[in-house]
Amino acid sequence: MLALLISFFGFVNASYLTVLKILQEDACLVGSSCQEVINSSYSMFAGLPVSIYGMAYFLTCTFIFAYKK
């Protein structure tokens, strides 16, 4: 059950970061600006934001843990 919750919150976090990347909004909770990190050269891989790969990973984990017997 704990793994299911962690994977779900990981998916929510990756989704939030993807929305920030697409909308180019600065919604940093701590510090002065998260845009430097979101727009860095390491934030993209193969033409897609890294957070999209995180969404796919955590969504897969969520389904695996939800239907695990």
C-alpha atoms as a PDB file:
ATOM      1  CA  MET A   1       0.000   0.000   0.000  1.00  0.00           C
ATOM      2  CA  LEU A   2       2.850   2.385   0.827  1.00  0.00           C
ATOM      3  CA  ALA A   3       4.466   1.766  -2.567  1.00  0.00           C
ATOM      4  CA  LEU A   4       1.168   2.584  -4.274  1.00  0.00           C
ATOM      5  CA  LEU A   5       0.911   5.907  -2.424  1.00  0.00           C
ATOM      6  CA  ILE A   6       4.516   6.847  -3.154  1.00  0.00           C
ATOM      7  CA  SER A   7       4.145   6.052  -6.856  1.00  0.00           C
ATOM      8  CA  PHE A   8       0.894   8.025  -7.035  1.00  0.00           C
ATOM      9  CA  PHE A   9       2.451  11.096  -5.407  1.00  0.00           C
ATOM     10  CA  GLY A  10       5.461  10.729  -7.709  1.00  0.00           C
ATOM     11  CA  PHE A  11       3.081  10.857 -10.673  1.00  0.00           C
ATOM     12  CA  VAL A  12       1.376  13.960  -9.265  1.00  0.00           C
ATOM     13  CA  ASN A  13       4.743  15.669  -8.738  1.00  0.00           C
ATOM     14  CA  ALA A  14       5.972  14.835 -12.250  1.00  0.00           C
ATOM     15  CA  SER A  15       2.668  16.089 -13.681  1.00  0.00           C
ATOM     16  CA  TYR A  16       3.038  19.357 -11.763  1.00  0.00           C
ATOM     17  CA  LEU A  17       6.561  19.849 -13.108  1.00  0.00           C
ATOM     18  CA  THR A  18       5.374  19.113 -16.650  1.00  0.00           C
ATOM     19  CA  VAL A  19       2.651  21.744 -16.374  1.00  0.00           C
ATOM     20  CA  LEU A  20       5.190  24.278 -15.073  1.00  0.00           C
ATOM     21  CA  LYS A  21       7.491  23.481 -17.995  1.00  0.00           C
ATOM     22  CA  ILE A  22       4.726  23.818 -20.596  1.00  0.00           C
ATOM     23  CA  LEU A  23       3.163  26.993 -19.156  1.00  0.00           C
ATOM     24  CA  GLN A  24       6.553  28.537 -18.262  1.00  0.00           C
ATOM     25  CA  GLU A  25       5.215  29.698 -14.906  1.00  0.00           C
ATOM     26  CA  ASP A  26       7.377  30.344 -11.883  1.00  0.00           C
ATOM     27  CA  ALA A  27       5.665  28.652  -8.961  1.00  0.00           C
ATOM     28  CA  CYS A  28       8.583  27.878  -6.703  1.00  0.00           C
ATOM     29  CA  LEU A  29       7.651  27.235  -3.080  1.00  0.00           C
ATOM     30  CA  VAL A  30      11.183  27.685  -1.715  1.00  0.00           C
ATOM     31  CA  GLY A  31      13.889  29.942  -3.080  1.00  0.00           C
ATOM     32  CA  SER A  32      13.854  32.688  -5.648  1.00  0.00           C
ATOM     33  CA  SER A  33      13.319  31.016  -9.019  1.00  0.00           C
ATOM     34  CA  CYS A  34      12.754  27.480 -10.194  1.00  0.00           C
ATOM     35  CA  GLN A  35      12.785  28.536 -13.848  1.00  0.00           C
ATOM     36  CA  GLU A  36      16.572  28.122 -13.993  1.00  0.00           C
ATOM     37  CA  VAL A  37      16.169  24.430 -13.192  1.00  0.00           C
ATOM     38  CA  ILE A  38      13.075  23.853 -15.341  1.00  0.00           C
ATOM     39  CA  ASN A  39      14.704  25.526 -18.366  1.00  0.00           C
ATOM     40  CA  SER A  40      18.219  24.134 -17.941  1.00  0.00           C
ATOM     41  CA  SER A  41      19.895  22.122 -20.686  1.00  0.00           C
ATOM     42  CA  TYR A  42      19.356  18.962 -18.613  1.00  0.00           C
ATOM     43  CA  SER A  43      15.560  19.381 -18.428  1.00  0.00           C
ATOM     44  CA  MET A  44      15.017  17.923 -21.911  1.00  0.00           C
ATOM     45  CA  PHE A  45      15.860  14.482 -23.306  1.00  0.00           C
ATOM     46  CA  ALA A  46      15.114  13.404 -26.875  1.00  0.00           C
ATOM     47  CA  GLY A  47      12.977  16.500 -27.379  1.00  0.00           C
ATOM     48  CA  LEU A  48      10.698  15.884 -24.396  1.00  0.00           C
ATOM     49  CA  PRO A  49      10.785  17.287 -20.867  1.00  0.00           C
ATOM     50  CA  VAL A  50      12.342  14.823 -18.426  1.00  0.00           C
ATOM     51  CA  SER A  51       9.248  15.123 -16.249  1.00  0.00           C
ATOM     52  CA  ILE A  52       7.182  13.386 -18.958  1.00  0.00           C
ATOM     53  CA  TYR A  53       9.410  10.333 -18.600  1.00  0.00           C
ATOM     54  CA  GLY A  54       8.849  10.579 -14.858  1.00  0.00           C
ATOM     55  CA  MET A  55       5.097  10.658 -15.413  1.00  0.00           C
ATOM     56  CA  ALA A  56       5.288   7.512 -17.541  1.00  0.00           C
ATOM     57  CA  TYR A  57       7.465   5.754 -14.976  1.00  0.00           C
ATOM     58  CA  PHE A  58       5.293   6.612 -11.970  1.00  0.00           C
ATOM     59  CA  LEU A  59       2.054   5.858 -13.824  1.00  0.00           C
ATOM     60  CA  THR A  60       3.418   2.435 -14.727  1.00  0.00           C
ATOM     61  CA  CYS A  61       4.468   1.851 -11.111  1.00  0.00           C
ATOM     62  CA  THR A  62       1.043   2.963  -9.889  1.00  0.00           C
ATOM     63  CA  PHE A  63      -0.728   0.436 -12.122  1.00  0.00           C
ATOM     64  CA  ILE A  64       1.686  -2.332 -11.170  1.00  0.00           C
ATOM     65  CA  PHE A  65       1.223  -1.730  -7.438  1.00  0.00           C
ATOM     66  CA  ALA A  66      -2.549  -1.265  -7.786  1.00  0.00           C
ATOM     67  CA  TYR A  67      -3.083  -4.591  -9.558  1.00  0.00           C
ATOM     68  CA  LYS A  68      -0.386  -6.590  -7.763  1.00  0.00           C
ATOM     69  CA  LYS A  69      -1.766  -9.682  -6.086  1.00  0.00           C
END
